[in-house]
Amino acid sequence: MNMNRIQLEYKQNTNRITLYIEGIYKYVRGFIRGFCPMDLKKLFLEENVGGFDLILRTLLGVLGITALAMNLVKSSPLKWIIALIAFTGLFTSIIRHCTPYVILGINTAKK
């Protein structure tokens, strides 16, 4: 008799824990969906960089590559940081898209 009571209590506690975990999962899933648009074409392909922002990205990319080509940057970790900034600036100016802008809702391209 005592063993059945223990099994019943274990089953009830397990159900409570399962419901609690499912609730957390639903909350986190809703939270993520709020920040990530479901339309992947908009997330990765829509043009949202233009105007002054486009010129600034291109200029930083070209200046970074020029500084690396002329060996103006002496330390190795700084070279990697400049290369990353230059590549990101040129790449985003060529494709005219910035994914963080989509997440933040920023659009500097003329429509």
Protein backbone atom coordinates (compact mmCIF):
# COMPACT_ATOMS: atom_id res chain seq x y z
CA MET A 1 0.00 0.00 0.00
CA ASN A 2 2.79 2.39 0.90
CA MET A 3 4.64 1.58 -2.35
CA ASN A 4 1.61 2.54 -4.48
CA ARG A 5 1.40 5.88 -2.68
CA ILE A 6 5.09 6.58 -3.36
CA GLN A 7 4.69 5.70 -7.05
CA LEU A 8 1.64 7.95 -7.32
CA GLU A 9 3.49 10.88 -5.70
CA TYR A 10 6.49 10.31 -7.99
CA LYS A 11 4.23 10.33 -11.04
CA GLN A 12 2.51 13.56 -9.92
CA ASN A 13 5.85 15.29 -9.28
CA THR A 14 7.16 14.12 -12.66
CA ASN A 15 4.06 15.54 -14.37
CA ARG A 16 4.54 18.87 -12.58
CA ILE A 17 8.18 19.04 -13.68
CA THR A 18 7.24 18.14 -17.26
CA LEU A 19 4.59 20.86 -17.35
CA TYR A 20 7.05 23.37 -15.92
CA ILE A 21 9.69 22.51 -18.55
CA GLU A 22 7.10 22.69 -21.35
CA GLY A 23 6.07 26.14 -20.11
CA ILE A 24 9.68 27.36 -20.17
CA TYR A 25 10.13 25.92 -23.67
CA LYS A 26 7.02 27.70 -24.98
CA TYR A 27 8.14 30.98 -23.40
CA VAL A 28 11.65 30.78 -24.90
CA ARG A 29 10.30 29.75 -28.31
CA GLY A 30 7.95 32.75 -28.32
CA PHE A 31 10.74 35.04 -27.17
CA ILE A 32 13.03 33.89 -30.00
CA ARG A 33 10.27 34.20 -32.59
CA GLY A 34 9.74 37.79 -31.46
CA PHE A 35 13.30 38.72 -32.42
CA CYS A 36 13.87 36.51 -35.46
CA PRO A 37 11.72 37.17 -38.50
CA MET A 38 10.43 33.96 -40.03
CA ASP A 39 10.94 35.24 -43.58
CA LEU A 40 14.51 34.16 -44.35
CA LYS A 41 14.55 36.04 -47.66
CA LYS A 42 13.98 39.28 -45.78
CA LEU A 43 16.52 38.30 -43.12
CA PHE A 44 19.35 37.56 -45.56
CA LEU A 45 18.61 39.19 -48.94
CA GLU A 46 16.71 42.46 -48.57
CA GLU A 47 18.76 45.59 -49.33
CA ASN A 48 18.90 47.79 -46.25
CA VAL A 49 22.21 49.66 -46.60
CA GLY A 50 22.40 52.85 -48.61
CA GLY A 51 23.35 56.52 -48.63
CA PHE A 52 25.97 57.73 -46.20
CA ASP A 53 26.12 54.33 -44.52
CA LEU A 54 27.09 52.64 -47.80
CA ILE A 55 29.84 55.19 -48.48
CA LEU A 56 31.19 54.87 -44.93
CA ARG A 57 31.33 51.06 -45.12
CA THR A 58 33.11 51.15 -48.48
CA LEU A 59 35.57 53.78 -47.29
CA LEU A 60 36.42 51.84 -44.11
CA GLY A 61 36.90 48.66 -46.14
CA VAL A 62 39.21 50.31 -48.66
CA LEU A 63 41.21 52.11 -45.96
CA GLY A 64 41.58 48.89 -43.99
CA ILE A 65 42.81 46.91 -46.97
CA THR A 66 45.18 49.74 -47.94
CA ALA A 67 46.62 49.85 -44.41
CA LEU A 68 47.17 46.09 -44.47
CA ALA A 69 48.69 46.12 -47.97
CA MET A 70 51.13 48.92 -47.07
CA ASN A 71 52.03 47.14 -43.79
CA LEU A 72 51.03 50.15 -41.67
CA VAL A 73 49.65 47.91 -38.92
CA LYS A 74 52.45 46.36 -36.87
CA SER A 75 50.89 44.00 -34.31
CA SER A 76 49.37 40.70 -35.38
CA PRO A 77 46.09 40.80 -33.36
CA LEU A 78 45.38 44.30 -34.66
CA LYS A 79 45.94 43.10 -38.23
CA TRP A 80 43.19 40.50 -37.80
CA ILE A 81 40.80 43.06 -36.37
CA ILE A 82 41.47 45.50 -39.23
CA ALA A 83 41.10 42.68 -41.78
CA LEU A 84 37.74 41.69 -40.24
CA ILE A 85 36.50 45.29 -40.30
CA ALA A 86 37.69 45.77 -43.89
CA PHE A 87 36.13 42.53 -45.12
CA THR A 88 32.83 43.19 -43.34
CA GLY A 89 32.66 46.75 -44.62
CA LEU A 90 33.36 45.81 -48.23
CA PHE A 91 31.15 42.73 -48.20
CA THR A 92 28.13 44.54 -46.74
CA SER A 93 28.60 47.46 -49.13
CA ILE A 94 28.76 45.13 -52.14
CA ILE A 95 25.63 43.15 -51.25
CA ARG A 96 23.96 46.23 -49.66
CA HIS A 97 22.68 44.15 -46.77
CA CYS A 98 23.38 44.11 -43.04
CA THR A 99 21.72 41.32 -41.01
CA PRO A 100 21.95 43.14 -37.65
CA TYR A 101 20.03 46.01 -39.28
CA VAL A 102 17.17 43.60 -40.05
CA ILE A 103 17.06 42.40 -36.45
CA LEU A 104 17.13 45.99 -35.13
CA GLY A 105 14.69 47.26 -37.79
CA ILE A 106 17.08 49.79 -39.36
CA ASN A 107 16.94 50.58 -43.09
CA THR A 108 19.13 53.26 -44.66
CA ALA A 109 18.47 52.29 -48.30
CA LYS A 110 16.24 54.58 -50.37
CA LYS A 111 13.02 52.99 -51.50
